[in-house]
Amino acid sequence: MKIAEQVTFGTGLLDRAAELRPDSVGLSNLAARARILPVWRGKPLIDRGAGHQVALAFLTLHHDEMNTRQDRLVFLGRDGSGPLFAVDVSDWTAEGQAPDPDVFIDQTWQHFPGTPDTQGFAELRGVMAQLTPLEAEIAATARSILEWHRIHGFCANCGAESVPSQAGWQRDCPACARPHFPRTDPVVIMLITHGNAVLIGRNALWPDGMFSLLAGFMEPGETVEAATRREVFEETGVHVGAVRYLASQPWPFPSSLMIGTHGLATTTDITIDPNELEHALWVTREEMLDVFAGQNPDMLPARKGSIAHFLLSNWLADRLD
């Protein structure tokens, strides 16, 4: 797609400055004047300013909670205003309402000490579409890399505790010297069409009325095209012929790369796998226009900011080329 890089999180505007990662002394000097994005339990610090304008909220090492955690800083890169770092503050104990792990999207808000009342931690999926393209990319990068550190603290080769290096973009094992690098899990998300209709489905755990495009993890030794055909057939029994790539989206929940494809169905009969889907159906372009306009009381559009919303909206507008 000509407009593929307009997808949320996927604009590539952040200068990651990877050449600076080995220079620990230089990075320490950069950190002294950098903006730092705190992330608490996967939620970035957000500023809800006047008029409900949403933006990332950055701190500096002058903030007590940043200064005491400067050994945990991860270098994100640079933007037009200077260097950027992120830090995990999940060990901070928040007051007030705790996140509910059973809800689909956490709507709670935790105010961080030493910041204005308008600043607090918010679920990224709830605000991603309101951030600027650059800030969305920064938040996604911070969330993904910090979550990788949280769940990959031990060497997969020998089991010893590993230590961060390369400004947070590598972990090294002091016992067996094996280096470890941030992982990204490839996922195909498929716009499957047949004539004037698109195939959508829903998981039983999703909120009532929520439908989206089919998606699934790629397997070792598999191409994007083969994964598209396999996942669609496994979940719905629909056979897919020609497949082409459309766009991709880094999806930091926790760290996937959503690979958007367009597949042409060669069959239309649906037999769902109940372990994967609660329901799947074909929806015409006219019916999907009503869904996006909020005129279908039984179906919600894909979440704004997701690649599913991006692909569907461009299919409706006939802009897949």
C-alpha atoms as a PDB file:
ATOM      1  CA  MET A   1       0.000   0.000   0.000  1.00  0.00           C
ATOM      2  CA  LYS A   2       1.228   3.472  -0.806  1.00  0.00           C
ATOM      3  CA  ILE A   3      -0.025   4.748   2.555  1.00  0.00           C
ATOM      4  CA  ALA A   4       1.132   1.724   4.582  1.00  0.00           C
ATOM      5  CA  GLU A   5       3.312   3.779   6.926  1.00  0.00           C
ATOM      6  CA  GLN A   6       0.361   5.820   8.117  1.00  0.00           C
ATOM      7  CA  VAL A   7      -0.695   2.964  10.385  1.00  0.00           C
ATOM      8  CA  THR A   8      -0.494   3.686  14.136  1.00  0.00           C
ATOM      9  CA  PHE A   9       2.930   2.833  15.657  1.00  0.00           C
ATOM     10  CA  GLY A  10       4.352   2.249  12.176  1.00  0.00           C
ATOM     11  CA  THR A  11       5.492   5.627  10.854  1.00  0.00           C
ATOM     12  CA  GLY A  12       9.241   5.123  11.423  1.00  0.00           C
ATOM     13  CA  LEU A  13       9.728   8.718  12.568  1.00  0.00           C
ATOM     14  CA  LEU A  14      11.879   7.910  15.608  1.00  0.00           C
ATOM     15  CA  ASP A  15      15.637   8.155  15.062  1.00  0.00           C
ATOM     16  CA  ARG A  16      16.757   5.095  17.017  1.00  0.00           C
ATOM     17  CA  ALA A  17      20.419   6.166  16.846  1.00  0.00           C
ATOM     18  CA  ALA A  18      21.636   2.581  17.242  1.00  0.00           C
ATOM     19  CA  GLU A  19      25.215   3.707  16.678  1.00  0.00           C
ATOM     20  CA  LEU A  20      25.172   5.351  20.127  1.00  0.00           C
ATOM     21  CA  ARG A  21      24.139   2.236  22.065  1.00  0.00           C
ATOM     22  CA  PRO A  22      27.676   0.885  22.719  1.00  0.00           C
ATOM     23  CA  ASP A  23      28.883   4.220  24.159  1.00  0.00           C
ATOM     24  CA  SER A  24      27.952   3.975  27.853  1.00  0.00           C
ATOM     25  CA  VAL A  25      29.786   7.167  28.803  1.00  0.00           C
ATOM     26  CA  GLY A  26      28.183   9.149  26.006  1.00  0.00           C
ATOM     27  CA  LEU A  27      24.750   7.774  26.876  1.00  0.00           C
ATOM     28  CA  SER A  28      25.223   8.757  30.499  1.00  0.00           C
ATOM     29  CA  ASN A  29      25.897  12.321  29.349  1.00  0.00           C
ATOM     30  CA  LEU A  30      22.830  12.205  27.112  1.00  0.00           C
ATOM     31  CA  ALA A  31      20.659  10.944  29.961  1.00  0.00           C
ATOM     32  CA  ALA A  32      21.567  13.964  32.067  1.00  0.00           C
ATOM     33  CA  ARG A  33      19.694  16.209  29.617  1.00  0.00           C
ATOM     34  CA  ALA A  34      17.217  13.734  28.142  1.00  0.00           C
ATOM     35  CA  ARG A  35      13.468  13.346  28.385  1.00  0.00           C
ATOM     36  CA  ILE A  36      12.462  10.108  30.072  1.00  0.00           C
ATOM     37  CA  LEU A  37       9.188   8.256  29.570  1.00  0.00           C
ATOM     38  CA  PRO A  38       8.138   6.323  32.696  1.00  0.00           C
ATOM     39  CA  VAL A  39       6.135   3.155  32.082  1.00  0.00           C
ATOM     40  CA  TRP A  40       4.164   1.510  34.887  1.00  0.00           C
ATOM     41  CA  ARG A  41       2.936  -2.041  34.303  1.00  0.00           C
ATOM     42  CA  GLY A  42       2.963  -1.412  30.566  1.00  0.00           C
ATOM     43  CA  LYS A  43       1.159   1.937  30.832  1.00  0.00           C
ATOM     44  CA  PRO A  44       3.051   5.066  29.659  1.00  0.00           C
ATOM     45  CA  LEU A  45       2.839   8.364  31.493  1.00  0.00           C
ATOM     46  CA  ILE A  46       0.206  10.489  29.765  1.00  0.00           C
ATOM     47  CA  ASP A  47      -0.743  14.145  30.051  1.00  0.00           C
ATOM     48  CA  ARG A  48      -4.428  14.941  29.665  1.00  0.00           C
ATOM     49  CA  GLY A  49      -4.196  18.659  29.181  1.00  0.00           C
ATOM     50  CA  ALA A  50      -6.724  21.369  28.471  1.00  0.00           C
ATOM     51  CA  GLY A  51      -9.474  20.302  26.120  1.00  0.00           C
ATOM     52  CA  HIS A  52      -8.662  16.654  26.862  1.00  0.00           C
ATOM     53  CA  GLN A  53      -5.650  16.828  24.564  1.00  0.00           C
ATOM     54  CA  VAL A  54      -3.604  13.642  25.078  1.00  0.00           C
ATOM     55  CA  ALA A  55       0.197  13.552  24.886  1.00  0.00           C
ATOM     56  CA  LEU A  56       3.063  11.592  26.354  1.00  0.00           C
ATOM     57  CA  ALA A  57       4.447  13.069  29.575  1.00  0.00           C
ATOM     58  CA  PHE A  58       8.229  13.049  29.876  1.00  0.00           C
ATOM     59  CA  LEU A  59      10.308  13.580  33.009  1.00  0.00           C
ATOM     60  CA  THR A  60      14.016  14.182  33.590  1.00  0.00           C
ATOM     61  CA  LEU A  61      16.641  12.887  35.994  1.00  0.00           C
ATOM     62  CA  HIS A  62      15.763  15.816  38.259  1.00  0.00           C
ATOM     63  CA  HIS A  63      12.620  13.913  39.197  1.00  0.00           C
ATOM     64  CA  ASP A  64      13.337  11.769  42.278  1.00  0.00           C
ATOM     65  CA  GLU A  65      11.672   8.662  40.849  1.00  0.00           C
ATOM     66  CA  MET A  66      13.814   8.924  37.714  1.00  0.00           C
ATOM     67  CA  ASN A  67      17.058   9.686  39.491  1.00  0.00           C
ATOM     68  CA  THR A  68      16.819   6.578  41.684  1.00  0.00           C
ATOM     69  CA  ARG A  69      16.203   4.385  38.624  1.00  0.00           C
ATOM     70  CA  GLN A  70      18.784   5.765  36.234  1.00  0.00           C
ATOM     71  CA  ASP A  71      20.576   2.399  36.151  1.00  0.00           C
ATOM     72  CA  ARG A  72      17.429   0.981  34.446  1.00  0.00           C
ATOM     73  CA  LEU A  73      17.197   3.531  31.654  1.00  0.00           C
ATOM     74  CA  VAL A  74      16.729   2.237  28.113  1.00  0.00           C
ATOM     75  CA  PHE A  75      17.813   4.497  25.275  1.00  0.00           C
ATOM     76  CA  LEU A  76      14.989   4.880  22.750  1.00  0.00           C
ATOM     77  CA  GLY A  77      16.718   7.267  20.348  1.00  0.00           C
ATOM     78  CA  ARG A  78      16.260  10.898  19.373  1.00  0.00           C
ATOM     79  CA  ASP A  79      13.599  13.188  18.047  1.00  0.00           C
ATOM     80  CA  GLY A  80      13.743  16.841  17.052  1.00  0.00           C
ATOM     81  CA  SER A  81      13.969  17.914  20.699  1.00  0.00           C
ATOM     82  CA  GLY A  82      16.809  15.641  21.772  1.00  0.00           C
ATOM     83  CA  PRO A  83      17.523  12.227  23.314  1.00  0.00           C
ATOM     84  CA  LEU A  84      14.775   9.985  24.665  1.00  0.00           C
ATOM     85  CA  PHE A  85      14.898   7.265  27.289  1.00  0.00           C
ATOM     86  CA  ALA A  86      12.333   5.000  28.931  1.00  0.00           C
ATOM     87  CA  VAL A  87      12.276   3.433  32.373  1.00  0.00           C
ATOM     88  CA  ASP A  88      10.124   0.795  34.027  1.00  0.00           C
ATOM     89  CA  VAL A  89       8.615   2.079  37.293  1.00  0.00           C
ATOM     90  CA  SER A  90       6.404  -0.938  37.943  1.00  0.00           C
ATOM     91  CA  ASP A  91       7.915  -1.302  41.415  1.00  0.00           C
ATOM     92  CA  TRP A  92       6.250   2.001  42.379  1.00  0.00           C
ATOM     93  CA  THR A  93       3.131   1.436  44.493  1.00  0.00           C
ATOM     94  CA  ALA A  94       0.183   3.335  43.085  1.00  0.00           C
ATOM     95  CA  GLU A  95      -2.585   4.716  45.250  1.00  0.00           C
ATOM     96  CA  GLY A  96      -6.259   4.536  44.381  1.00  0.00           C
ATOM     97  CA  GLN A  97      -7.960   2.237  41.903  1.00  0.00           C
ATOM     98  CA  ALA A  98      -5.934  -0.791  40.865  1.00  0.00           C
ATOM     99  CA  PRO A  99      -6.110  -2.141  37.311  1.00  0.00           C
ATOM    100  CA  ASP A 100      -8.596  -4.962  36.786  1.00  0.00           C
ATOM    101  CA  PRO A 101      -6.786  -7.826  34.984  1.00  0.00           C
ATOM    102  CA  ASP A 102     -10.099  -9.246  33.747  1.00  0.00           C
ATOM    103  CA  VAL A 103     -11.245  -6.234  31.716  1.00  0.00           C
ATOM    104  CA  PHE A 104     -10.426  -6.017  28.020  1.00  0.00           C
ATOM    105  CA  ILE A 105      -8.941  -2.522  28.240  1.00  0.00           C
ATOM    106  CA  ASP A 106      -7.808  -1.063  31.551  1.00  0.00           C
ATOM    107  CA  GLN A 107      -9.588   2.261  32.063  1.00  0.00           C
ATOM    108  CA  THR A 108      -7.953   3.102  35.403  1.00  0.00           C
ATOM    109  CA  TRP A 109      -5.672   6.094  35.871  1.00  0.00           C
ATOM    110  CA  GLN A 110      -2.740   6.280  38.289  1.00  0.00           C
ATOM    111  CA  HIS A 111      -1.320   9.685  39.153  1.00  0.00           C
ATOM    112  CA  PHE A 112       2.474   9.740  39.450  1.00  0.00           C
ATOM    113  CA  PRO A 113       4.034  11.697  42.369  1.00  0.00           C
ATOM    114  CA  GLY A 114       5.796  14.931  41.579  1.00  0.00           C
ATOM    115  CA  THR A 115       3.812  15.567  38.396  1.00  0.00           C
ATOM    116  CA  PRO A 116       0.838  17.831  37.577  1.00  0.00           C
ATOM    117  CA  ASP A 117      -2.666  16.532  38.276  1.00  0.00           C
ATOM    118  CA  THR A 118      -3.190  16.108  34.536  1.00  0.00           C
ATOM    119  CA  GLN A 119      -0.478  13.453  34.332  1.00  0.00           C
ATOM    120  CA  GLY A 120      -0.872   9.763  35.053  1.00  0.00           C
ATOM    121  CA  PHE A 121      -0.488   6.275  33.667  1.00  0.00           C
ATOM    122  CA  ALA A 122      -3.006   5.198  31.028  1.00  0.00           C
ATOM    123  CA  GLU A 123      -3.508   2.035  29.001  1.00  0.00           C
ATOM    124  CA  LEU A 124      -1.847   2.597  25.626  1.00  0.00           C
ATOM    125  CA  ARG A 125      -4.615   0.860  23.665  1.00  0.00           C
ATOM    126  CA  GLY A 126      -7.051   3.412  25.066  1.00  0.00           C
ATOM    127  CA  VAL A 127      -5.095   6.480  23.915  1.00  0.00           C
ATOM    128  CA  MET A 128      -3.015   5.278  20.964  1.00  0.00           C
ATOM    129  CA  ALA A 129      -5.220   6.908  18.338  1.00  0.00           C
ATOM    130  CA  GLN A 130      -5.025  10.281  20.122  1.00  0.00           C
ATOM    131  CA  LEU A 131      -1.231  10.508  20.205  1.00  0.00           C
ATOM    132  CA  THR A 132       0.809  12.050  17.403  1.00  0.00           C
ATOM    133  CA  PRO A 133       2.364   9.466  15.051  1.00  0.00           C
ATOM    134  CA  LEU A 134       5.807  10.026  16.578  1.00  0.00           C
ATOM    135  CA  GLU A 135       4.572   9.799  20.177  1.00  0.00           C
ATOM    136  CA  ALA A 136       2.644   6.621  19.382  1.00  0.00           C
ATOM    137  CA  GLU A 137       5.840   5.077  18.000  1.00  0.00           C
ATOM    138  CA  ILE A 138       7.819   6.179  21.071  1.00  0.00           C
ATOM    139  CA  ALA A 139       5.237   4.707  23.441  1.00  0.00           C
ATOM    140  CA  ALA A 140       5.047   1.428  21.534  1.00  0.00           C
ATOM    141  CA  THR A 141       8.832   1.097  21.459  1.00  0.00           C
ATOM    142  CA  ALA A 142       9.123   1.815  25.175  1.00  0.00           C
ATOM    143  CA  ARG A 143       6.386  -0.614  26.129  1.00  0.00           C
ATOM    144  CA  SER A 144       7.803  -3.442  24.023  1.00  0.00           C
ATOM    145  CA  ILE A 145      11.440  -3.155  25.067  1.00  0.00           C
ATOM    146  CA  LEU A 146      10.654  -2.779  28.769  1.00  0.00           C
ATOM    147  CA  GLU A 147       8.299  -5.771  28.692  1.00  0.00           C
ATOM    148  CA  TRP A 148      11.045  -7.818  27.025  1.00  0.00           C
ATOM    149  CA  HIS A 149      13.381  -7.004  29.904  1.00  0.00           C
ATOM    150  CA  ARG A 150      10.687  -7.923  32.428  1.00  0.00           C
ATOM    151  CA  ILE A 151      10.067 -11.411  31.080  1.00  0.00           C
ATOM    152  CA  HIS A 152      13.532 -12.287  29.739  1.00  0.00           C
ATOM    153  CA  GLY A 153      15.714 -11.794  32.787  1.00  0.00           C
ATOM    154  CA  PHE A 154      17.364 -15.211  32.584  1.00  0.00           C
ATOM    155  CA  CYS A 155      19.535 -16.831  29.940  1.00  0.00           C
ATOM    156  CA  ALA A 156      17.605 -19.240  27.735  1.00  0.00           C
ATOM    157  CA  ASN A 157      20.801 -21.226  27.198  1.00  0.00           C
ATOM    158  CA  CYS A 158      21.998 -21.921  30.760  1.00  0.00           C
ATOM    159  CA  GLY A 159      19.409 -20.338  33.063  1.00  0.00           C
ATOM    160  CA  ALA A 160      21.693 -17.813  34.722  1.00  0.00           C
ATOM    161  CA  GLU A 161      20.480 -14.274  35.348  1.00  0.00           C
ATOM    162  CA  SER A 162      21.343 -12.031  32.414  1.00  0.00           C
ATOM    163  CA  VAL A 163      22.272  -8.346  32.519  1.00  0.00           C
ATOM    164  CA  PRO A 164      21.259  -5.464  30.210  1.00  0.00           C
ATOM    165  CA  SER A 165      23.794  -4.053  27.756  1.00  0.00           C
ATOM    166  CA  GLN A 166      23.849  -1.942  24.592  1.00  0.00           C
ATOM    167  CA  ALA A 167      21.718   0.789  26.187  1.00  0.00           C
ATOM    168  CA  GLY A 168      19.010  -1.770  26.970  1.00  0.00           C
ATOM    169  CA  TRP A 169      18.867  -3.386  23.514  1.00  0.00           C
ATOM    170  CA  GLN A 170      20.693  -6.552  24.519  1.00  0.00           C
ATOM    171  CA  ARG A 171      21.005  -8.837  27.525  1.00  0.00           C
ATOM    172  CA  ASP A 172      24.240 -10.725  28.175  1.00  0.00           C
ATOM    173  CA  CYS A 173      24.723 -13.878  30.199  1.00  0.00           C
ATOM    174  CA  PRO A 174      27.732 -13.584  32.532  1.00  0.00           C
ATOM    175  CA  ALA A 175      27.829 -17.373  32.970  1.00  0.00           C
ATOM    176  CA  CYS A 176      27.935 -18.655  29.374  1.00  0.00           C
ATOM    177  CA  ALA A 177      28.515 -15.365  27.474  1.00  0.00           C
ATOM    178  CA  ARG A 178      25.397 -15.884  25.325  1.00  0.00           C
ATOM    179  CA  PRO A 179      23.917 -12.576  24.088  1.00  0.00           C
ATOM    180  CA  HIS A 180      20.136 -12.190  23.885  1.00  0.00           C
ATOM    181  CA  PHE A 181      18.219  -9.715  21.752  1.00  0.00           C
ATOM    182  CA  PRO A 182      14.679  -8.295  21.887  1.00  0.00           C
ATOM    183  CA  ARG A 183      12.189 -10.575  20.186  1.00  0.00           C
ATOM    184  CA  THR A 184       9.295  -9.739  17.922  1.00  0.00           C
ATOM    185  CA  ASP A 185       6.595 -12.308  17.190  1.00  0.00           C
ATOM    186  CA  PRO A 186       5.267 -12.146  13.599  1.00  0.00           C
ATOM    187  CA  VAL A 187       1.484 -12.313  13.280  1.00  0.00           C
ATOM    188  CA  VAL A 188      -0.518 -12.331  10.062  1.00  0.00           C
ATOM    189  CA  ILE A 189      -3.734 -10.328  10.126  1.00  0.00           C
ATOM    190  CA  MET A 190      -5.831 -10.995   7.066  1.00  0.00           C
ATOM    191  CA  LEU A 191      -8.231  -8.932   5.006  1.00  0.00           C
ATOM    192  CA  ILE A 192      -9.987 -11.844   3.307  1.00  0.00           C
ATOM    193  CA  THR A 193     -12.452 -10.808   0.629  1.00  0.00           C
ATOM    194  CA  HIS A 194     -14.801 -12.535  -1.775  1.00  0.00           C
ATOM    195  CA  GLY A 195     -16.375 -10.203  -4.265  1.00  0.00           C
ATOM    196  CA  ASN A 196     -17.967  -7.375  -2.306  1.00  0.00           C
ATOM    197  CA  ALA A 197     -17.682  -9.021   1.120  1.00  0.00           C
ATOM    198  CA  VAL A 198     -15.018  -9.323   3.832  1.00  0.00           C
ATOM    199  CA  LEU A 199     -14.533 -12.125   6.363  1.00  0.00           C
ATOM    200  CA  ILE A 200     -14.553 -11.074  10.023  1.00  0.00           C
ATOM    201  CA  GLY A 201     -14.760 -12.901  13.329  1.00  0.00           C
ATOM    202  CA  ARG A 202     -14.803 -12.494  17.080  1.00  0.00           C
ATOM    203  CA  ASN A 203     -13.240 -14.165  20.086  1.00  0.00           C
ATOM    204  CA  ALA A 204     -15.500 -15.147  22.969  1.00  0.00           C
ATOM    205  CA  LEU A 205     -13.415 -13.040  25.374  1.00  0.00           C
ATOM    206  CA  TRP A 206     -13.966  -9.804  23.467  1.00  0.00           C
ATOM    207  CA  PRO A 207     -16.534  -7.178  24.480  1.00  0.00           C
ATOM    208  CA  ASP A 208     -20.046  -7.660  23.140  1.00  0.00           C
ATOM    209  CA  GLY A 209     -20.359  -6.675  19.501  1.00  0.00           C
ATOM    210  CA  MET A 210     -16.610  -6.472  18.837  1.00  0.00           C
ATOM    211  CA  PHE A 211     -15.517  -8.037  15.540  1.00  0.00           C
ATOM    212  CA  SER A 212     -12.214  -7.828  13.711  1.00  0.00           C
ATOM    213  CA  LEU A 213     -10.151  -9.373  10.949  1.00  0.00           C
ATOM    214  CA  LEU A 214      -8.808 -12.872  11.462  1.00  0.00           C
ATOM    215  CA  ALA A 215      -5.236 -13.092  12.752  1.00  0.00           C
ATOM    216  CA  GLY A 216      -2.739 -15.678  13.922  1.00  0.00           C
ATOM    217  CA  PHE A 217       0.913 -16.289  14.743  1.00  0.00           C
ATOM    218  CA  MET A 218       3.260 -17.428  12.020  1.00  0.00           C
ATOM    219  CA  GLU A 219       4.995 -20.762  12.468  1.00  0.00           C
ATOM    220  CA  PRO A 220       8.681 -21.651  11.914  1.00  0.00           C
ATOM    221  CA  GLY A 221       9.524 -22.300   8.275  1.00  0.00           C
ATOM    222  CA  GLU A 222       6.365 -20.582   7.044  1.00  0.00           C
ATOM    223  CA  THR A 223       5.919 -17.753   4.561  1.00  0.00           C
ATOM    224  CA  VAL A 224       3.522 -14.880   5.118  1.00  0.00           C
ATOM    225  CA  GLU A 225       1.345 -16.168   2.288  1.00  0.00           C
ATOM    226  CA  ALA A 226       1.240 -19.713   3.647  1.00  0.00           C
ATOM    227  CA  ALA A 227       0.453 -18.470   7.162  1.00  0.00           C
ATOM    228  CA  THR A 228      -2.432 -16.421   5.791  1.00  0.00           C
ATOM    229  CA  ARG A 229      -3.969 -19.416   4.058  1.00  0.00           C
ATOM    230  CA  ARG A 230      -3.388 -21.775   6.977  1.00  0.00           C
ATOM    231  CA  GLU A 231      -4.786 -19.473   9.667  1.00  0.00           C
ATOM    232  CA  VAL A 232      -7.937 -18.638   7.699  1.00  0.00           C
ATOM    233  CA  PHE A 233      -8.610 -22.305   6.949  1.00  0.00           C
ATOM    234  CA  GLU A 234      -7.911 -23.428  10.529  1.00  0.00           C
ATOM    235  CA  GLU A 235     -10.212 -20.818  12.035  1.00  0.00           C
ATOM    236  CA  THR A 236     -13.062 -20.764   9.512  1.00  0.00           C
ATOM    237  CA  GLY A 237     -12.608 -23.552   6.958  1.00  0.00           C
ATOM    238  CA  VAL A 238     -12.422 -20.955   4.166  1.00  0.00           C
ATOM    239  CA  HIS A 239      -9.862 -21.614   1.409  1.00  0.00           C
ATOM    240  CA  VAL A 240      -7.739 -18.680   0.219  1.00  0.00           C
ATOM    241  CA  GLY A 241      -6.011 -18.325  -3.149  1.00  0.00           C
ATOM    242  CA  ALA A 242      -3.926 -15.270  -4.084  1.00  0.00           C
ATOM    243  CA  VAL A 243      -2.339 -13.404  -1.160  1.00  0.00           C
ATOM    244  CA  ARG A 244      -0.501 -10.084  -1.181  1.00  0.00           C
ATOM    245  CA  TYR A 245       1.161  -7.935   1.473  1.00  0.00           C
ATOM    246  CA  LEU A 246      -0.499  -4.646   2.445  1.00  0.00           C
ATOM    247  CA  ALA A 247       1.069  -3.088   5.554  1.00  0.00           C
ATOM    248  CA  SER A 248       2.578  -3.909   8.936  1.00  0.00           C
ATOM    249  CA  GLN A 249       2.135  -2.579  12.456  1.00  0.00           C
ATOM    250  CA  PRO A 250       4.321  -3.024  15.529  1.00  0.00           C
ATOM    251  CA  TRP A 251       1.868  -4.169  18.198  1.00  0.00           C
ATOM    252  CA  PRO A 252       3.377  -3.779  21.687  1.00  0.00           C
ATOM    253  CA  PHE A 253       0.978  -6.110  23.545  1.00  0.00           C
ATOM    254  CA  PRO A 254       3.488  -7.416  24.356  1.00  0.00           C
ATOM    255  CA  SER A 255       5.682  -7.421  21.245  1.00  0.00           C
ATOM    256  CA  SER A 256       4.253  -8.554  17.925  1.00  0.00           C
ATOM    257  CA  LEU A 257       4.570  -7.413  14.348  1.00  0.00           C
ATOM    258  CA  MET A 258       1.144  -7.469  12.726  1.00  0.00           C
ATOM    259  CA  ILE A 259       1.640  -8.271   9.040  1.00  0.00           C
ATOM    260  CA  GLY A 260      -1.422  -7.166   7.114  1.00  0.00           C
ATOM    261  CA  THR A 261      -2.294  -9.210   4.035  1.00  0.00           C
ATOM    262  CA  HIS A 262      -5.074  -9.287   1.469  1.00  0.00           C
ATOM    263  CA  GLY A 263      -6.281 -12.720   0.491  1.00  0.00           C
ATOM    264  CA  LEU A 264      -8.876 -13.698  -2.085  1.00  0.00           C
ATOM    265  CA  ALA A 265     -11.171 -16.438  -0.844  1.00  0.00           C
ATOM    266  CA  THR A 266     -11.920 -19.308  -3.211  1.00  0.00           C
ATOM    267  CA  THR A 267     -14.692 -20.726  -0.982  1.00  0.00           C
ATOM    268  CA  THR A 268     -17.248 -19.045   1.279  1.00  0.00           C
ATOM    269  CA  ASP A 269     -18.690 -21.772   3.530  1.00  0.00           C
ATOM    270  CA  ILE A 270     -17.688 -21.169   7.156  1.00  0.00           C
ATOM    271  CA  THR A 271     -16.920 -23.835   9.746  1.00  0.00           C
ATOM    272  CA  ILE A 272     -15.417 -22.164  12.792  1.00  0.00           C
ATOM    273  CA  ASP A 273     -12.892 -23.605  15.194  1.00  0.00           C
ATOM    274  CA  PRO A 274     -14.588 -22.961  18.574  1.00  0.00           C
ATOM    275  CA  ASN A 275     -11.198 -22.896  20.284  1.00  0.00           C
ATOM    276  CA  GLU A 276     -10.301 -19.842  18.216  1.00  0.00           C
ATOM    277  CA  LEU A 277     -13.535 -18.046  17.389  1.00  0.00           C
ATOM    278  CA  GLU A 278     -17.010 -17.615  18.786  1.00  0.00           C
ATOM    279  CA  HIS A 279     -18.424 -16.394  15.482  1.00  0.00           C
ATOM    280  CA  ALA A 280     -17.332 -15.579  11.932  1.00  0.00           C
ATOM    281  CA  LEU A 281     -19.289 -14.170   9.021  1.00  0.00           C
ATOM    282  CA  TRP A 282     -19.112 -12.427   5.669  1.00  0.00           C
ATOM    283  CA  VAL A 283     -20.017  -8.737   5.720  1.00  0.00           C
ATOM    284  CA  THR A 284     -20.674  -6.729   2.591  1.00  0.00           C
ATOM    285  CA  ARG A 285     -19.065  -3.379   1.937  1.00  0.00           C
ATOM    286  CA  GLU A 286     -22.392  -1.623   2.458  1.00  0.00           C
ATOM    287  CA  GLU A 287     -22.942  -3.414   5.771  1.00  0.00           C
ATOM    288  CA  MET A 288     -19.430  -2.538   6.960  1.00  0.00           C
ATOM    289  CA  LEU A 289     -20.013   1.104   6.074  1.00  0.00           C
ATOM    290  CA  ASP A 290     -22.991   1.048   8.438  1.00  0.00           C
ATOM    291  CA  VAL A 291     -20.802  -0.534  11.142  1.00  0.00           C
ATOM    292  CA  PHE A 292     -18.154   2.187  10.786  1.00  0.00           C
ATOM    293  CA  ALA A 293     -20.895   4.828  10.875  1.00  0.00           C
ATOM    294  CA  GLY A 294     -22.206   3.413  14.158  1.00  0.00           C
ATOM    295  CA  GLN A 295     -25.496   2.386  12.577  1.00  0.00           C
ATOM    296  CA  ASN A 296     -25.320  -1.308  13.420  1.00  0.00           C
ATOM    297  CA  PRO A 297     -26.376  -1.875  17.060  1.00  0.00           C
ATOM    298  CA  ASP A 298     -25.064  -5.449  17.042  1.00  0.00           C
ATOM    299  CA  MET A 299     -21.551  -4.857  15.730  1.00  0.00           C
ATOM    300  CA  LEU A 300     -18.724  -2.514  16.682  1.00  0.00           C
ATOM    301  CA  PRO A 301     -16.005  -1.418  14.245  1.00  0.00           C
ATOM    302  CA  ALA A 302     -12.443  -2.560  14.825  1.00  0.00           C
ATOM    303  CA  ARG A 303     -10.654  -0.404  17.389  1.00  0.00           C
ATOM    304  CA  LYS A 304      -9.379   2.869  15.937  1.00  0.00           C
ATOM    305  CA  GLY A 305      -5.591   2.780  15.797  1.00  0.00           C
ATOM    306  CA  SER A 306      -5.415  -0.961  15.146  1.00  0.00           C
ATOM    307  CA  ILE A 307      -4.227  -2.291  11.804  1.00  0.00           C
ATOM    308  CA  ALA A 308      -7.597  -4.047  11.454  1.00  0.00           C
ATOM    309  CA  HIS A 309      -9.337  -0.654  11.486  1.00  0.00           C
ATOM    310  CA  PHE A 310      -6.701   0.706   9.090  1.00  0.00           C
ATOM    311  CA  LEU A 311      -7.124  -2.120   6.579  1.00  0.00           C
ATOM    312  CA  LEU A 312     -10.908  -2.171   6.738  1.00  0.00           C
ATOM    313  CA  SER A 313     -11.251   1.591   6.370  1.00  0.00           C
ATOM    314  CA  ASN A 314      -8.951   1.583   3.346  1.00  0.00           C
ATOM    315  CA  TRP A 315     -10.810  -1.365   1.838  1.00  0.00           C
ATOM    316  CA  LEU A 316     -14.025   0.622   2.211  1.00  0.00           C
ATOM    317  CA  ALA A 317     -12.359   3.591   0.546  1.00  0.00           C
ATOM    318  CA  ASP A 318     -10.892   1.387  -2.223  1.00  0.00           C
ATOM    319  CA  ARG A 319      -7.348   2.436  -1.288  1.00  0.00           C
ATOM    320  CA  LEU A 320      -5.504  -0.879  -0.969  1.00  0.00           C
ATOM    321  CA  ASP A 321      -3.012  -0.110  -3.765  1.00  0.00           C
END
